[in-house]
């Protein structure tokens, strides 16, 4: 879904106290951070991120997950370490608001329009667009709002090609 867990809990636990919601969040966070069987990287993700590192293109992970959940799943998936890791605790407003991607761009030392967001969740697509980033939707649901506004809509990361030009410009292409 791409939204912060606490936001979803507040929605589904309407009428409950903040203490009850916080207790449920802590319980769910523990489960999500420890029960990682079946967590794998998307096809092409490890190769893409290793390529970005090899050619010197900075990248970040920007997630609605909490730090314990994000770190555990990142490690289990076998992804390389990002230069920047933005999690739910680092922003006041989660996706679909632009805050997380704006922070990611700032921490990378880039303007949002210099960043490419790769997203699979509707809230993340909206967040990236609201931040003013280029957005590539990967395996996003067909009914994702503003899907027509993304730069590319792909079925898999294996369809993505990234190159760094001699002048430092980065080119992102869709493989056909």
N, C-alpha and C. Protein backbone atom coordinates (compact mmCIF):
# COMPACT_ATOMS: atom_id res chain seq x y z
N UNK A 1 0.81 -1.20 0.00
CA UNK A 1 0.00 0.00 0.00
C UNK A 1 0.84 1.25 0.00
N UNK A 2 2.05 1.20 0.57
CA UNK A 2 2.97 2.32 0.51
C UNK A 2 2.79 3.38 1.57
N UNK A 3 1.81 3.24 2.44
CA UNK A 3 1.59 4.23 3.50
C UNK A 3 2.24 3.76 4.79
N UNK A 4 2.51 4.72 5.68
CA UNK A 4 3.08 4.37 6.98
C UNK A 4 2.10 3.49 7.74
N UNK A 5 2.61 2.49 8.44
CA UNK A 5 1.76 1.56 9.19
C UNK A 5 0.92 2.29 10.23
N UNK A 6 1.50 3.28 10.89
CA UNK A 6 0.75 3.99 11.92
C UNK A 6 -0.45 4.72 11.32
N UNK A 7 -0.31 5.22 10.09
CA UNK A 7 -1.42 5.89 9.41
C UNK A 7 -2.53 4.89 9.12
N UNK A 8 -2.16 3.72 8.63
CA UNK A 8 -3.16 2.68 8.35
C UNK A 8 -3.84 2.22 9.63
N UNK A 9 -3.07 2.06 10.70
CA UNK A 9 -3.67 1.64 11.97
C UNK A 9 -4.65 2.67 12.49
N UNK A 10 -4.31 3.94 12.39
CA UNK A 10 -5.24 4.98 12.84
C UNK A 10 -6.55 4.91 12.05
N UNK A 11 -6.44 4.60 10.77
CA UNK A 11 -7.64 4.48 9.93
C UNK A 11 -8.48 3.28 10.36
N UNK A 12 -7.84 2.12 10.49
CA UNK A 12 -8.57 0.89 10.79
C UNK A 12 -8.93 0.74 12.27
N UNK A 13 -8.30 1.52 13.13
CA UNK A 13 -8.60 1.46 14.56
C UNK A 13 -9.29 2.73 15.03
N UNK A 14 -10.08 3.33 14.15
CA UNK A 14 -10.81 4.55 14.49
C UNK A 14 -11.57 4.34 15.79
N UNK A 15 -11.49 5.32 16.67
CA UNK A 15 -12.17 5.22 17.95
C UNK A 15 -11.31 4.66 19.07
N UNK A 16 -10.15 4.11 18.72
CA UNK A 16 -9.23 3.58 19.74
C UNK A 16 -8.31 4.70 20.21
N UNK A 17 -7.77 4.55 21.40
CA UNK A 17 -6.87 5.57 21.94
C UNK A 17 -5.51 5.49 21.24
N UNK A 18 -4.76 6.58 21.33
CA UNK A 18 -3.40 6.58 20.77
C UNK A 18 -2.53 5.52 21.44
N UNK A 19 -2.75 5.27 22.72
CA UNK A 19 -1.98 4.24 23.43
C UNK A 19 -2.28 2.86 22.85
N UNK A 20 -3.55 2.58 22.56
CA UNK A 20 -3.92 1.29 21.97
C UNK A 20 -3.33 1.14 20.57
N UNK A 21 -3.38 2.23 19.80
CA UNK A 21 -2.82 2.21 18.44
C UNK A 21 -1.31 2.02 18.50
N UNK A 22 -0.65 2.73 19.42
CA UNK A 22 0.81 2.60 19.56
C UNK A 22 1.20 1.18 19.97
N UNK A 23 0.43 0.57 20.86
CA UNK A 23 0.72 -0.80 21.28
C UNK A 23 0.57 -1.77 20.11
N UNK A 24 -0.46 -1.59 19.31
CA UNK A 24 -0.66 -2.46 18.15
C UNK A 24 0.45 -2.24 17.11
N UNK A 25 0.87 -0.98 16.94
CA UNK A 25 1.97 -0.69 16.02
C UNK A 25 3.24 -1.42 16.46
N UNK A 26 3.57 -1.35 17.73
CA UNK A 26 4.76 -2.01 18.26
C UNK A 26 4.69 -3.52 18.05
N UNK A 27 3.52 -4.09 18.28
CA UNK A 27 3.33 -5.54 18.09
C UNK A 27 3.53 -5.90 16.61
N UNK A 28 2.90 -5.16 15.71
CA UNK A 28 3.02 -5.44 14.28
C UNK A 28 4.44 -5.20 13.77
N UNK A 29 5.09 -4.16 14.26
CA UNK A 29 6.46 -3.86 13.85
C UNK A 29 7.38 -5.02 14.21
N UNK A 30 7.22 -5.58 15.40
CA UNK A 30 8.03 -6.72 15.83
C UNK A 30 7.81 -7.91 14.91
N UNK A 31 6.56 -8.17 14.56
CA UNK A 31 6.25 -9.29 13.66
C UNK A 31 6.88 -9.06 12.29
N UNK A 32 6.69 -7.85 11.74
CA UNK A 32 7.20 -7.56 10.40
C UNK A 32 8.72 -7.56 10.34
N UNK A 33 9.38 -7.21 11.44
CA UNK A 33 10.84 -7.17 11.46
C UNK A 33 11.46 -8.54 11.68
N UNK A 34 10.69 -9.49 12.20
CA UNK A 34 11.27 -10.80 12.50
C UNK A 34 10.75 -11.92 11.61
N UNK A 35 9.56 -11.79 11.12
CA UNK A 35 9.00 -12.84 10.26
C UNK A 35 9.26 -12.46 8.80
N UNK A 36 10.44 -12.79 8.34
CA UNK A 36 10.88 -12.34 7.01
C UNK A 36 10.95 -13.46 5.98
N UNK A 37 10.44 -14.62 6.32
CA UNK A 37 10.45 -15.73 5.36
C UNK A 37 9.71 -15.31 4.09
N UNK A 38 10.30 -15.58 2.96
CA UNK A 38 9.66 -15.24 1.69
C UNK A 38 9.99 -13.85 1.17
N UNK A 39 10.69 -13.04 1.96
CA UNK A 39 11.08 -11.70 1.51
C UNK A 39 12.23 -11.85 0.52
N UNK A 40 12.05 -11.35 -0.67
CA UNK A 40 13.10 -11.38 -1.70
C UNK A 40 13.14 -10.05 -2.43
N UNK A 41 14.25 -9.76 -3.03
CA UNK A 41 14.37 -8.56 -3.86
C UNK A 41 13.56 -8.75 -5.13
N UNK A 42 13.03 -7.66 -5.66
CA UNK A 42 12.35 -7.72 -6.95
C UNK A 42 13.35 -8.15 -8.02
N UNK A 43 12.90 -8.88 -9.02
CA UNK A 43 13.81 -9.27 -10.11
C UNK A 43 14.49 -8.03 -10.71
N UNK A 44 15.80 -8.08 -10.79
CA UNK A 44 16.58 -6.98 -11.36
C UNK A 44 17.04 -5.95 -10.35
N UNK A 45 16.52 -5.97 -9.12
CA UNK A 45 16.86 -4.93 -8.14
C UNK A 45 18.32 -4.98 -7.73
N UNK A 46 18.83 -6.14 -7.38
CA UNK A 46 20.22 -6.25 -6.93
C UNK A 46 21.17 -5.83 -8.05
N UNK A 47 20.93 -6.31 -9.26
CA UNK A 47 21.78 -5.94 -10.40
C UNK A 47 21.74 -4.44 -10.66
N UNK A 48 20.55 -3.85 -10.61
CA UNK A 48 20.41 -2.41 -10.85
C UNK A 48 21.18 -1.61 -9.80
N UNK A 49 20.99 -1.94 -8.54
CA UNK A 49 21.66 -1.18 -7.47
C UNK A 49 23.17 -1.38 -7.49
N UNK A 50 23.62 -2.58 -7.77
CA UNK A 50 25.06 -2.81 -7.91
C UNK A 50 25.63 -1.99 -9.08
N UNK A 51 24.87 -1.90 -10.16
CA UNK A 51 25.30 -1.10 -11.32
C UNK A 51 25.39 0.38 -10.94
N UNK A 52 24.39 0.89 -10.22
CA UNK A 52 24.43 2.29 -9.79
C UNK A 52 25.68 2.55 -8.96
N UNK A 53 25.99 1.65 -8.04
CA UNK A 53 27.20 1.79 -7.22
C UNK A 53 28.46 1.76 -8.09
N UNK A 54 28.50 0.84 -9.03
CA UNK A 54 29.69 0.67 -9.89
C UNK A 54 29.99 1.92 -10.71
N UNK A 55 28.95 2.56 -11.24
CA UNK A 55 29.16 3.73 -12.10
C UNK A 55 29.07 5.05 -11.33
N UNK A 56 28.86 4.98 -10.01
CA UNK A 56 28.89 6.18 -9.18
C UNK A 56 27.64 7.03 -9.24
N UNK A 57 26.49 6.40 -9.36
CA UNK A 57 25.22 7.14 -9.34
C UNK A 57 24.64 7.00 -7.93
N UNK A 58 24.46 8.13 -7.22
CA UNK A 58 23.94 8.04 -5.86
C UNK A 58 22.48 7.58 -5.86
N UNK A 59 22.13 6.83 -4.81
CA UNK A 59 20.75 6.36 -4.70
C UNK A 59 20.37 6.24 -3.24
N UNK A 60 19.08 6.19 -3.01
CA UNK A 60 18.54 6.11 -1.66
C UNK A 60 17.41 5.09 -1.63
N UNK A 61 17.15 4.58 -0.46
CA UNK A 61 15.92 3.84 -0.22
C UNK A 61 15.01 4.77 0.57
N UNK A 62 13.82 4.98 0.05
CA UNK A 62 12.81 5.83 0.69
C UNK A 62 11.59 4.94 0.90
N UNK A 63 11.30 4.63 2.16
CA UNK A 63 10.24 3.68 2.46
C UNK A 63 9.29 4.22 3.51
N UNK A 64 8.06 3.74 3.47
CA UNK A 64 7.08 4.07 4.50
C UNK A 64 7.25 3.17 5.72
N UNK A 65 8.09 2.17 5.61
CA UNK A 65 8.33 1.26 6.72
C UNK A 65 9.15 1.92 7.81
N UNK A 66 9.02 1.38 9.02
CA UNK A 66 9.83 1.87 10.13
C UNK A 66 11.26 1.36 9.96
N UNK A 67 12.20 1.96 10.67
CA UNK A 67 13.60 1.56 10.55
C UNK A 67 13.81 0.08 10.88
N UNK A 68 13.26 -0.45 11.97
CA UNK A 68 13.49 -1.87 12.24
C UNK A 68 12.97 -2.79 11.13
N UNK A 69 11.80 -2.50 10.61
CA UNK A 69 11.22 -3.32 9.55
C UNK A 69 12.03 -3.15 8.26
N UNK A 70 12.34 -1.92 7.91
CA UNK A 70 13.07 -1.66 6.66
C UNK A 70 14.45 -2.29 6.69
N UNK A 71 15.18 -2.14 7.78
CA UNK A 71 16.53 -2.72 7.88
C UNK A 71 16.48 -4.25 7.79
N UNK A 72 15.55 -4.85 8.50
CA UNK A 72 15.44 -6.31 8.49
C UNK A 72 15.13 -6.82 7.09
N UNK A 73 14.18 -6.21 6.43
CA UNK A 73 13.78 -6.67 5.10
C UNK A 73 14.86 -6.37 4.06
N UNK A 74 15.52 -5.25 4.20
CA UNK A 74 16.62 -4.90 3.30
C UNK A 74 17.72 -5.95 3.39
N UNK A 75 18.07 -6.32 4.60
CA UNK A 75 19.13 -7.31 4.81
C UNK A 75 18.73 -8.67 4.26
N UNK A 76 17.52 -9.12 4.55
CA UNK A 76 17.05 -10.43 4.09
C UNK A 76 16.99 -10.48 2.57
N UNK A 77 16.61 -9.36 1.94
CA UNK A 77 16.50 -9.31 0.48
C UNK A 77 17.87 -9.33 -0.20
N UNK A 78 18.93 -9.05 0.56
CA UNK A 78 20.27 -9.09 -0.01
C UNK A 78 20.60 -7.89 -0.89
N UNK A 79 19.98 -6.76 -0.59
CA UNK A 79 20.25 -5.54 -1.36
C UNK A 79 21.53 -4.87 -0.87
N UNK A 80 22.26 -4.20 -1.77
CA UNK A 80 23.42 -3.43 -1.31
C UNK A 80 22.97 -2.28 -0.40
N UNK A 81 23.90 -1.77 0.38
CA UNK A 81 23.58 -0.68 1.31
C UNK A 81 23.42 0.63 0.55
N UNK A 82 22.34 1.36 0.83
CA UNK A 82 22.15 2.65 0.18
C UNK A 82 23.01 3.73 0.82
N UNK A 83 23.25 4.78 0.07
CA UNK A 83 23.93 5.96 0.62
C UNK A 83 23.03 6.64 1.64
N UNK A 84 21.73 6.64 1.37
CA UNK A 84 20.73 7.30 2.20
C UNK A 84 19.58 6.33 2.43
N UNK A 85 19.09 6.28 3.67
CA UNK A 85 17.96 5.41 4.02
C UNK A 85 16.93 6.29 4.72
N UNK A 86 15.81 6.56 4.07
CA UNK A 86 14.74 7.38 4.65
C UNK A 86 13.60 6.44 5.05
N UNK A 87 13.26 6.46 6.34
CA UNK A 87 12.17 5.63 6.86
C UNK A 87 11.10 6.51 7.48
N UNK A 88 10.02 5.88 7.92
CA UNK A 88 8.86 6.59 8.44
C UNK A 88 9.21 7.54 9.59
N UNK A 89 10.17 7.16 10.42
CA UNK A 89 10.52 7.98 11.58
C UNK A 89 11.13 9.32 11.19
N UNK A 90 11.63 9.44 9.98
CA UNK A 90 12.38 10.63 9.58
C UNK A 90 11.50 11.74 9.00
N UNK A 91 10.22 11.45 8.78
CA UNK A 91 9.34 12.46 8.19
C UNK A 91 8.06 12.58 9.01
N UNK A 92 7.50 13.78 8.99
CA UNK A 92 6.24 14.01 9.70
C UNK A 92 5.07 13.43 8.92
N UNK A 93 5.07 13.67 7.63
CA UNK A 93 3.96 13.22 6.78
C UNK A 93 4.48 12.13 5.84
N UNK A 94 3.83 10.99 5.88
CA UNK A 94 4.24 9.89 5.02
C UNK A 94 3.65 9.98 3.63
N UNK A 95 4.00 9.01 2.81
CA UNK A 95 3.45 8.92 1.46
C UNK A 95 1.93 8.80 1.57
N UNK A 96 1.16 9.46 0.75
CA UNK A 96 1.46 10.04 -0.55
C UNK A 96 1.98 11.48 -0.52
N UNK A 97 2.21 12.03 0.67
CA UNK A 97 2.79 13.38 0.74
C UNK A 97 4.23 13.31 0.23
N UNK A 98 4.80 14.44 -0.22
CA UNK A 98 6.13 14.42 -0.84
C UNK A 98 7.30 14.39 0.13
N UNK A 99 7.06 14.52 1.42
CA UNK A 99 8.12 14.75 2.41
C UNK A 99 9.28 13.75 2.34
N UNK A 100 8.97 12.47 2.23
CA UNK A 100 10.03 11.44 2.25
C UNK A 100 10.95 11.57 1.05
N UNK A 101 10.39 11.79 -0.13
CA UNK A 101 11.23 11.93 -1.32
C UNK A 101 11.97 13.26 -1.32
N UNK A 102 11.37 14.31 -0.78
CA UNK A 102 12.08 15.58 -0.67
C UNK A 102 13.29 15.44 0.26
N UNK A 103 13.11 14.72 1.37
CA UNK A 103 14.22 14.49 2.29
C UNK A 103 15.30 13.63 1.63
N UNK A 104 14.89 12.59 0.92
CA UNK A 104 15.86 11.75 0.23
C UNK A 104 16.70 12.54 -0.75
N UNK A 105 16.06 13.40 -1.54
CA UNK A 105 16.79 14.23 -2.50
C UNK A 105 17.76 15.16 -1.77
N UNK A 106 17.27 15.79 -0.71
CA UNK A 106 18.12 16.72 0.06
C UNK A 106 19.34 16.00 0.62
N UNK A 107 19.14 14.83 1.19
CA UNK A 107 20.26 14.09 1.78
C UNK A 107 21.26 13.59 0.74
N UNK A 108 20.78 13.38 -0.49
CA UNK A 108 21.69 13.02 -1.59
C UNK A 108 22.37 14.25 -2.19
N UNK A 109 21.92 15.45 -1.79
CA UNK A 109 22.48 16.68 -2.34
C UNK A 109 21.97 16.99 -3.73
N UNK A 110 20.76 16.53 -4.03
CA UNK A 110 20.18 16.72 -5.36
C UNK A 110 18.86 17.48 -5.27
N UNK A 111 18.52 18.16 -6.35
CA UNK A 111 17.20 18.76 -6.46
C UNK A 111 16.22 17.64 -6.79
N UNK A 112 14.97 17.74 -6.34
CA UNK A 112 14.00 16.68 -6.63
C UNK A 112 13.89 16.35 -8.12
N UNK A 113 13.95 17.36 -8.97
CA UNK A 113 13.82 17.12 -10.42
C UNK A 113 15.03 16.39 -11.00
N UNK A 114 16.09 16.25 -10.21
CA UNK A 114 17.26 15.48 -10.63
C UNK A 114 17.17 14.02 -10.19
N UNK A 115 16.10 13.68 -9.48
CA UNK A 115 15.94 12.34 -8.92
C UNK A 115 14.93 11.52 -9.70
N UNK A 116 15.17 10.22 -9.72
CA UNK A 116 14.24 9.27 -10.32
C UNK A 116 13.72 8.38 -9.20
N UNK A 117 12.42 8.39 -9.02
CA UNK A 117 11.76 7.55 -8.03
C UNK A 117 11.30 6.28 -8.73
N UNK A 118 11.62 5.15 -8.15
CA UNK A 118 11.15 3.86 -8.67
C UNK A 118 10.18 3.32 -7.63
N UNK A 119 8.92 3.15 -8.00
CA UNK A 119 7.87 2.81 -7.04
C UNK A 119 6.96 1.71 -7.55
N UNK A 120 6.44 0.93 -6.61
CA UNK A 120 5.44 -0.08 -6.94
C UNK A 120 4.11 0.17 -6.25
N UNK A 121 4.07 1.12 -5.33
CA UNK A 121 2.86 1.39 -4.55
C UNK A 121 2.20 2.70 -5.01
N UNK A 122 0.87 2.72 -5.07
CA UNK A 122 0.18 3.95 -5.47
C UNK A 122 0.56 5.16 -4.63
N UNK A 123 0.64 5.00 -3.30
CA UNK A 123 1.01 6.13 -2.44
C UNK A 123 2.41 6.64 -2.77
N UNK A 124 3.31 5.74 -3.12
CA UNK A 124 4.67 6.13 -3.48
C UNK A 124 4.74 6.85 -4.80
N UNK A 125 3.95 6.39 -5.77
CA UNK A 125 3.88 7.08 -7.07
C UNK A 125 3.41 8.51 -6.85
N UNK A 126 2.34 8.68 -6.08
CA UNK A 126 1.82 10.02 -5.80
C UNK A 126 2.84 10.87 -5.06
N UNK A 127 3.56 10.28 -4.12
CA UNK A 127 4.57 10.99 -3.35
C UNK A 127 5.70 11.49 -4.24
N UNK A 128 6.20 10.62 -5.10
CA UNK A 128 7.28 11.00 -6.01
C UNK A 128 6.86 12.12 -6.95
N UNK A 129 5.65 12.01 -7.50
CA UNK A 129 5.15 13.06 -8.40
C UNK A 129 4.97 14.37 -7.64
N UNK A 130 4.42 14.31 -6.42
CA UNK A 130 4.22 15.52 -5.63
C UNK A 130 5.54 16.19 -5.27
N UNK A 131 6.59 15.39 -5.13
CA UNK A 131 7.92 15.94 -4.80
C UNK A 131 8.58 16.59 -6.01
N UNK A 132 8.05 16.34 -7.20
CA UNK A 132 8.64 16.90 -8.41
C UNK A 132 9.73 16.04 -9.01
N UNK A 133 9.79 14.78 -8.60
CA UNK A 133 10.79 13.85 -9.13
C UNK A 133 10.28 13.20 -10.41
N UNK A 134 11.19 12.63 -11.17
CA UNK A 134 10.80 11.73 -12.26
C UNK A 134 10.35 10.44 -11.58
N UNK A 135 9.33 9.80 -12.11
CA UNK A 135 8.79 8.60 -11.47
C UNK A 135 8.69 7.46 -12.47
N UNK A 136 9.18 6.31 -12.05
CA UNK A 136 9.04 5.07 -12.81
C UNK A 136 8.21 4.12 -11.94
N UNK A 137 7.06 3.73 -12.45
CA UNK A 137 6.21 2.78 -11.74
C UNK A 137 6.57 1.37 -12.19
N UNK A 138 6.85 0.50 -11.24
CA UNK A 138 7.21 -0.88 -11.55
C UNK A 138 6.17 -1.81 -10.93
N UNK A 139 5.47 -2.50 -11.81
CA UNK A 139 4.45 -3.45 -11.37
C UNK A 139 3.40 -2.80 -10.48
N UNK A 140 3.10 -1.53 -10.75
CA UNK A 140 2.10 -0.80 -9.98
C UNK A 140 0.71 -1.22 -10.45
N UNK A 141 -0.27 -1.22 -9.55
CA UNK A 141 -1.63 -1.57 -9.97
C UNK A 141 -2.13 -0.65 -11.08
N UNK A 142 -2.91 -1.19 -11.98
CA UNK A 142 -3.41 -0.43 -13.13
C UNK A 142 -4.27 0.75 -12.71
N UNK A 143 -4.89 0.67 -11.53
CA UNK A 143 -5.75 1.77 -11.07
C UNK A 143 -5.00 2.78 -10.20
N UNK A 144 -3.67 2.75 -10.24
CA UNK A 144 -2.87 3.72 -9.49
C UNK A 144 -3.20 5.13 -9.97
N UNK A 145 -3.59 6.04 -9.05
CA UNK A 145 -3.87 7.41 -9.46
C UNK A 145 -2.64 8.05 -10.11
N UNK A 146 -2.88 8.80 -11.16
CA UNK A 146 -1.85 9.55 -11.89
C UNK A 146 -0.81 8.66 -12.56
N UNK A 147 -1.14 7.40 -12.79
CA UNK A 147 -0.21 6.49 -13.46
C UNK A 147 0.18 7.02 -14.84
N UNK A 148 -0.72 7.75 -15.48
CA UNK A 148 -0.43 8.32 -16.80
C UNK A 148 0.63 9.41 -16.73
N UNK A 149 0.91 9.92 -15.53
CA UNK A 149 1.88 11.02 -15.37
C UNK A 149 3.31 10.54 -15.12
N UNK A 150 3.52 9.24 -14.94
CA UNK A 150 4.87 8.75 -14.67
C UNK A 150 5.69 8.73 -15.96
N UNK A 151 7.00 8.71 -15.81
CA UNK A 151 7.89 8.67 -16.98
C UNK A 151 7.80 7.33 -17.69
N UNK A 152 7.81 6.25 -16.91
CA UNK A 152 7.66 4.89 -17.45
C UNK A 152 6.79 4.09 -16.50
N UNK A 153 6.02 3.17 -17.05
CA UNK A 153 5.33 2.15 -16.26
C UNK A 153 5.86 0.81 -16.77
N UNK A 154 6.57 0.10 -15.90
CA UNK A 154 7.23 -1.14 -16.28
C UNK A 154 6.64 -2.32 -15.51
N UNK A 155 6.82 -3.50 -16.09
CA UNK A 155 6.41 -4.72 -15.40
C UNK A 155 7.51 -5.23 -14.47
N UNK A 156 8.76 -4.85 -14.75
CA UNK A 156 9.89 -5.39 -14.00
C UNK A 156 11.08 -4.43 -14.06
N UNK A 157 11.90 -4.45 -13.03
CA UNK A 157 13.13 -3.66 -13.04
C UNK A 157 14.10 -4.13 -14.11
N UNK A 158 13.93 -5.34 -14.60
CA UNK A 158 14.81 -5.84 -15.66
C UNK A 158 14.59 -5.08 -16.96
N UNK A 159 13.52 -4.30 -17.05
CA UNK A 159 13.24 -3.49 -18.24
C UNK A 159 13.91 -2.12 -18.17
N UNK A 160 14.65 -1.85 -17.11
CA UNK A 160 15.25 -0.54 -16.88
C UNK A 160 16.74 -0.57 -17.15
N UNK A 161 17.22 0.44 -17.86
CA UNK A 161 18.65 0.58 -18.15
C UNK A 161 19.09 1.97 -17.71
N UNK A 162 20.19 2.03 -16.98
CA UNK A 162 20.70 3.31 -16.48
C UNK A 162 22.16 3.44 -16.88
N UNK A 163 22.51 4.61 -17.40
CA UNK A 163 23.90 4.86 -17.81
C UNK A 163 24.32 6.24 -17.33
N UNK A 164 25.61 6.37 -17.04
CA UNK A 164 26.17 7.67 -16.67
C UNK A 164 27.05 8.12 -17.83
N UNK A 165 26.75 9.29 -18.35
CA UNK A 165 27.48 9.85 -19.48
C UNK A 165 28.83 10.42 -19.01
N UNK A 166 29.79 10.59 -19.92
CA UNK A 166 31.09 11.15 -19.53
C UNK A 166 30.99 12.52 -18.84
N UNK A 167 29.96 13.30 -19.19
CA UNK A 167 29.80 14.62 -18.57
C UNK A 167 29.10 14.53 -17.21
N UNK A 168 28.75 13.32 -16.77
CA UNK A 168 28.11 13.13 -15.47
C UNK A 168 26.60 13.00 -15.53
N UNK A 169 26.00 13.34 -16.66
CA UNK A 169 24.55 13.20 -16.79
C UNK A 169 24.16 11.73 -16.70
N UNK A 170 23.02 11.49 -16.13
CA UNK A 170 22.49 10.13 -16.00
C UNK A 170 21.35 9.96 -17.00
N UNK A 171 21.37 8.87 -17.72
CA UNK A 171 20.33 8.56 -18.70
C UNK A 171 19.61 7.30 -18.23
N UNK A 172 18.29 7.38 -18.17
CA UNK A 172 17.46 6.24 -17.79
C UNK A 172 16.63 5.87 -18.99
N UNK A 173 16.73 4.61 -19.40
CA UNK A 173 16.02 4.14 -20.59
C UNK A 173 15.17 2.94 -20.26
N UNK A 174 14.11 2.81 -21.03
CA UNK A 174 13.27 1.62 -20.95
C UNK A 174 13.74 0.65 -22.03
N UNK A 175 14.10 -0.56 -21.61
CA UNK A 175 14.49 -1.58 -22.58
C UNK A 175 13.24 -2.07 -23.30
N UNK A 176 13.38 -2.32 -24.60
CA UNK A 176 12.23 -2.83 -25.35
C UNK A 176 12.39 -4.29 -25.66
